[in-house]
Amino acid sequence: MQLTEVLDVLKRLIEAAEHPDITEVSVFSRGPELPRNGIAVKDRWSGA
């Protein structure tokens, strides 16, 4: 993983953590179907 990719993941984590509607954030290190560059979020409405 390149440094720019790591920084992008960290930026997205911070954005998700600060969002009032996000209830859960998961980070994955590898996988072909990773959403949002390895970050999956759940919100309080959809649960996905």
PDB file of N, CA and C in Angstrom:
ATOM      1  N   MET A   1       0.849  -1.169   0.000  1.00  0.00           N
ATOM      2  CA  MET A   1       0.000   0.000   0.000  1.00  0.00           C
ATOM      3  C   MET A   1       0.898   1.236   0.000  1.00  0.00           C
ATOM      4  N   GLN A   2       0.598   2.152  -0.872  1.00  0.00           N
ATOM      5  CA  GLN A   2       1.363   3.390  -0.996  1.00  0.00           C
ATOM      6  C   GLN A   2       0.995   4.359   0.136  1.00  0.00           C
ATOM      7  N   LEU A   3       1.894   5.272   0.447  1.00  0.00           N
ATOM      8  CA  LEU A   3       1.641   6.267   1.483  1.00  0.00           C
ATOM      9  C   LEU A   3       0.404   7.096   1.162  1.00  0.00           C
ATOM     10  N   THR A   4       0.216   7.441  -0.094  1.00  0.00           N
ATOM     11  CA  THR A   4      -0.963   8.228  -0.455  1.00  0.00           C
ATOM     12  C   THR A   4      -2.252   7.455  -0.199  1.00  0.00           C
ATOM     13  N   GLU A   5      -2.219   6.141  -0.396  1.00  0.00           N
ATOM     14  CA  GLU A   5      -3.395   5.316  -0.111  1.00  0.00           C
ATOM     15  C   GLU A   5      -3.675   5.270   1.388  1.00  0.00           C
ATOM     16  N   VAL A   6      -2.633   5.162   2.173  1.00  0.00           N
ATOM     17  CA  VAL A   6      -2.783   5.147   3.633  1.00  0.00           C
ATOM     18  C   VAL A   6      -3.373   6.470   4.108  1.00  0.00           C
ATOM     19  N   LEU A   7      -2.861   7.561   3.581  1.00  0.00           N
ATOM     20  CA  LEU A   7      -3.373   8.871   3.968  1.00  0.00           C
ATOM     21  C   LEU A   7      -4.829   9.047   3.562  1.00  0.00           C
ATOM     22  N   ASP A   8      -5.205   8.513   2.402  1.00  0.00           N
ATOM     23  CA  ASP A   8      -6.592   8.593   1.959  1.00  0.00           C
ATOM     24  C   ASP A   8      -7.506   7.808   2.898  1.00  0.00           C
ATOM     25  N   VAL A   9      -7.066   6.626   3.304  1.00  0.00           N
ATOM     26  CA  VAL A   9      -7.849   5.822   4.248  1.00  0.00           C
ATOM     27  C   VAL A   9      -8.010   6.560   5.572  1.00  0.00           C
ATOM     28  N   LEU A  10      -6.938   7.142   6.069  1.00  0.00           N
ATOM     29  CA  LEU A  10      -7.013   7.889   7.329  1.00  0.00           C
ATOM     30  C   LEU A  10      -7.957   9.085   7.205  1.00  0.00           C
ATOM     31  N   LYS A  11      -7.887   9.779   6.092  1.00  0.00           N
ATOM     32  CA  LYS A  11      -8.782  10.918   5.866  1.00  0.00           C
ATOM     33  C   LYS A  11     -10.239  10.472   5.884  1.00  0.00           C
ATOM     34  N   ARG A  12     -10.527   9.366   5.203  1.00  0.00           N
ATOM     35  CA  ARG A  12     -11.902   8.857   5.169  1.00  0.00           C
ATOM     36  C   ARG A  12     -12.367   8.384   6.553  1.00  0.00           C
ATOM     37  N   LEU A  13     -11.462   7.803   7.328  1.00  0.00           N
ATOM     38  CA  LEU A  13     -11.810   7.393   8.688  1.00  0.00           C
ATOM     39  C   LEU A  13     -12.182   8.590   9.535  1.00  0.00           C
ATOM     40  N   ILE A  14     -11.399   9.640   9.431  1.00  0.00           N
ATOM     41  CA  ILE A  14     -11.678  10.852  10.203  1.00  0.00           C
ATOM     42  C   ILE A  14     -13.009  11.458   9.776  1.00  0.00           C
ATOM     43  N   GLU A  15     -13.261  11.527   8.480  1.00  0.00           N
ATOM     44  CA  GLU A  15     -14.539  12.058   7.988  1.00  0.00           C
ATOM     45  C   GLU A  15     -15.711  11.229   8.508  1.00  0.00           C
ATOM     46  N   ALA A  16     -15.569   9.914   8.470  1.00  0.00           N
ATOM     47  CA  ALA A  16     -16.654   9.045   8.950  1.00  0.00           C
ATOM     48  C   ALA A  16     -16.858   9.195  10.448  1.00  0.00           C
ATOM     49  N   ALA A  17     -15.773   9.283  11.199  1.00  0.00           N
ATOM     50  CA  ALA A  17     -15.869   9.396  12.655  1.00  0.00           C
ATOM     51  C   ALA A  17     -16.533  10.707  13.071  1.00  0.00           C
ATOM     52  N   GLU A  18     -16.369  11.739  12.278  1.00  0.00           N
ATOM     53  CA  GLU A  18     -16.947  13.048  12.608  1.00  0.00           C
ATOM     54  C   GLU A  18     -18.383  13.199  12.130  1.00  0.00           C
ATOM     55  N   HIS A  19     -18.846  12.282  11.273  1.00  0.00           N
ATOM     56  CA  HIS A  19     -20.196  12.394  10.716  1.00  0.00           C
ATOM     57  C   HIS A  19     -21.211  11.912  11.751  1.00  0.00           C
ATOM     58  N   PRO A  20     -22.240  12.707  12.039  1.00  0.00           N
ATOM     59  CA  PRO A  20     -23.196  12.337  13.095  1.00  0.00           C
ATOM     60  C   PRO A  20     -24.053  11.113  12.776  1.00  0.00           C
ATOM     61  N   ASP A  21     -24.187  10.755  11.504  1.00  0.00           N
ATOM     62  CA  ASP A  21     -25.055   9.637  11.141  1.00  0.00           C
ATOM     63  C   ASP A  21     -24.321   8.307  11.022  1.00  0.00           C
ATOM     64  N   ILE A  22     -23.016   8.312  11.122  1.00  0.00           N
ATOM     65  CA  ILE A  22     -22.238   7.082  11.014  1.00  0.00           C
ATOM     66  C   ILE A  22     -22.179   6.418  12.383  1.00  0.00           C
ATOM     67  N   THR A  23     -22.558   5.153  12.423  1.00  0.00           N
ATOM     68  CA  THR A  23     -22.574   4.431  13.696  1.00  0.00           C
ATOM     69  C   THR A  23     -21.447   3.415  13.822  1.00  0.00           C
ATOM     70  N   GLU A  24     -20.852   3.025  12.695  1.00  0.00           N
ATOM     71  CA  GLU A  24     -19.792   2.023  12.748  1.00  0.00           C
ATOM     72  C   GLU A  24     -18.880   2.180  11.542  1.00  0.00           C
ATOM     73  N   VAL A  25     -17.597   2.043  11.774  1.00  0.00           N
ATOM     74  CA  VAL A  25     -16.612   2.111  10.694  1.00  0.00           C
ATOM     75  C   VAL A  25     -15.722   0.887  10.800  1.00  0.00           C
ATOM     76  N   SER A  26     -15.522   0.187   9.692  1.00  0.00           N
ATOM     77  CA  SER A  26     -14.646  -0.981   9.649  1.00  0.00           C
ATOM     78  C   SER A  26     -13.566  -0.746   8.605  1.00  0.00           C
ATOM     79  N   VAL A  27     -12.361  -1.167   8.922  1.00  0.00           N
ATOM     80  CA  VAL A  27     -11.245  -1.008   7.992  1.00  0.00           C
ATOM     81  C   VAL A  27     -10.721  -2.388   7.621  1.00  0.00           C
ATOM     82  N   PHE A  28     -10.484  -2.595   6.328  1.00  0.00           N
ATOM     83  CA  PHE A  28     -10.000  -3.870   5.830  1.00  0.00           C
ATOM     84  C   PHE A  28      -8.666  -3.649   5.147  1.00  0.00           C
ATOM     85  N   SER A  29      -7.760  -4.567   5.339  1.00  0.00           N
ATOM     86  CA  SER A  29      -6.442  -4.397   4.736  1.00  0.00           C
ATOM     87  C   SER A  29      -6.369  -4.919   3.312  1.00  0.00           C
ATOM     88  N   ARG A  30      -7.162  -5.925   2.983  1.00  0.00           N
ATOM     89  CA  ARG A  30      -7.103  -6.490   1.633  1.00  0.00           C
ATOM     90  C   ARG A  30      -8.475  -7.030   1.222  1.00  0.00           C
ATOM     91  N   GLY A  31      -8.645  -7.176  -0.076  1.00  0.00           N
ATOM     92  CA  GLY A  31      -9.880  -7.756  -0.585  1.00  0.00           C
ATOM     93  C   GLY A  31     -10.292  -7.100  -1.888  1.00  0.00           C
ATOM     94  N   PRO A  32     -10.848  -7.868  -2.808  1.00  0.00           N
ATOM     95  CA  PRO A  32     -11.190  -7.331  -4.126  1.00  0.00           C
ATOM     96  C   PRO A  32     -12.418  -6.427  -4.142  1.00  0.00           C
ATOM     97  N   GLU A  33     -13.320  -6.580  -3.185  1.00  0.00           N
ATOM     98  CA  GLU A  33     -14.552  -5.800  -3.230  1.00  0.00           C
ATOM     99  C   GLU A  33     -14.648  -4.800  -2.082  1.00  0.00           C
ATOM    100  N   LEU A  34     -13.551  -4.166  -1.773  1.00  0.00           N
ATOM    101  CA  LEU A  34     -13.554  -3.226  -0.667  1.00  0.00           C
ATOM    102  C   LEU A  34     -14.291  -1.940  -1.034  1.00  0.00           C
ATOM    103  N   PRO A  35     -15.242  -1.555  -0.218  1.00  0.00           N
ATOM    104  CA  PRO A  35     -15.935  -0.299  -0.471  1.00  0.00           C
ATOM    105  C   PRO A  35     -15.077   0.878  -0.007  1.00  0.00           C
ATOM    106  N   ARG A  36     -15.148   1.956  -0.691  1.00  0.00           N
ATOM    107  CA  ARG A  36     -14.489   3.206  -0.288  1.00  0.00           C
ATOM    108  C   ARG A  36     -13.045   3.014   0.138  1.00  0.00           C
ATOM    109  N   ASN A  37     -12.277   2.361  -0.701  1.00  0.00           N
ATOM    110  CA  ASN A  37     -10.849   2.220  -0.458  1.00  0.00           C
ATOM    111  C   ASN A  37     -10.552   1.509   0.859  1.00  0.00           C
ATOM    112  N   GLY A  38     -11.291   0.436   1.130  1.00  0.00           N
ATOM    113  CA  GLY A  38     -11.013  -0.364   2.310  1.00  0.00           C
ATOM    114  C   GLY A  38     -11.773   0.025   3.552  1.00  0.00           C
ATOM    115  N   ILE A  39     -12.735   0.912   3.421  1.00  0.00           N
ATOM    116  CA  ILE A  39     -13.502   1.360   4.581  1.00  0.00           C
ATOM    117  C   ILE A  39     -14.977   1.064   4.344  1.00  0.00           C
ATOM    118  N   ALA A  40     -15.594   0.388   5.277  1.00  0.00           N
ATOM    119  CA  ALA A  40     -17.034   0.152   5.206  1.00  0.00           C
ATOM    120  C   ALA A  40     -17.680   0.919   6.357  1.00  0.00           C
ATOM    121  N   VAL A  41     -18.760   1.596   6.084  1.00  0.00           N
ATOM    122  CA  VAL A  41     -19.444   2.360   7.120  1.00  0.00           C
ATOM    123  C   VAL A  41     -20.896   1.918   7.225  1.00  0.00           C
ATOM    124  N   LYS A  42     -21.436   2.048   8.412  1.00  0.00           N
ATOM    125  CA  LYS A  42     -22.860   1.818   8.635  1.00  0.00           C
ATOM    126  C   LYS A  42     -23.448   3.125   9.128  1.00  0.00           C
ATOM    127  N   ASP A  43     -24.639   3.440   8.628  1.00  0.00           N
ATOM    128  CA  ASP A  43     -25.311   4.609   9.166  1.00  0.00           C
ATOM    129  C   ASP A  43     -26.552   4.163   9.932  1.00  0.00           C
ATOM    130  N   ARG A  44     -27.180   5.090  10.598  1.00  0.00           N
ATOM    131  CA  ARG A  44     -28.284   4.703  11.479  1.00  0.00           C
ATOM    132  C   ARG A  44     -29.565   4.374  10.737  1.00  0.00           C
ATOM    133  N   TRP A  45     -29.622   4.642   9.426  1.00  0.00           N
ATOM    134  CA  TRP A  45     -30.834   4.337   8.674  1.00  0.00           C
ATOM    135  C   TRP A  45     -30.731   3.017   7.939  1.00  0.00           C
ATOM    136  N   SER A  46     -29.677   2.828   7.190  1.00  0.00           N
ATOM    137  CA  SER A  46     -29.597   1.630   6.355  1.00  0.00           C
ATOM    138  C   SER A  46     -28.969   0.449   7.070  1.00  0.00           C
ATOM    139  N   GLY A  47     -28.106   0.719   8.045  1.00  0.00           N
ATOM    140  CA  GLY A  47     -27.408  -0.361   8.716  1.00  0.00           C
ATOM    141  C   GLY A  47     -26.352  -1.002   7.840  1.00  0.00           C
ATOM    142  N   ALA A  48     -26.068  -0.395   6.691  1.00  0.00           N
ATOM    143  CA  ALA A  48     -25.045  -0.957   5.794  1.00  0.00           C
ATOM    144  C   ALA A  48     -24.239   0.147   5.161  1.00  0.00           C
TER     145      ALA A  48
END
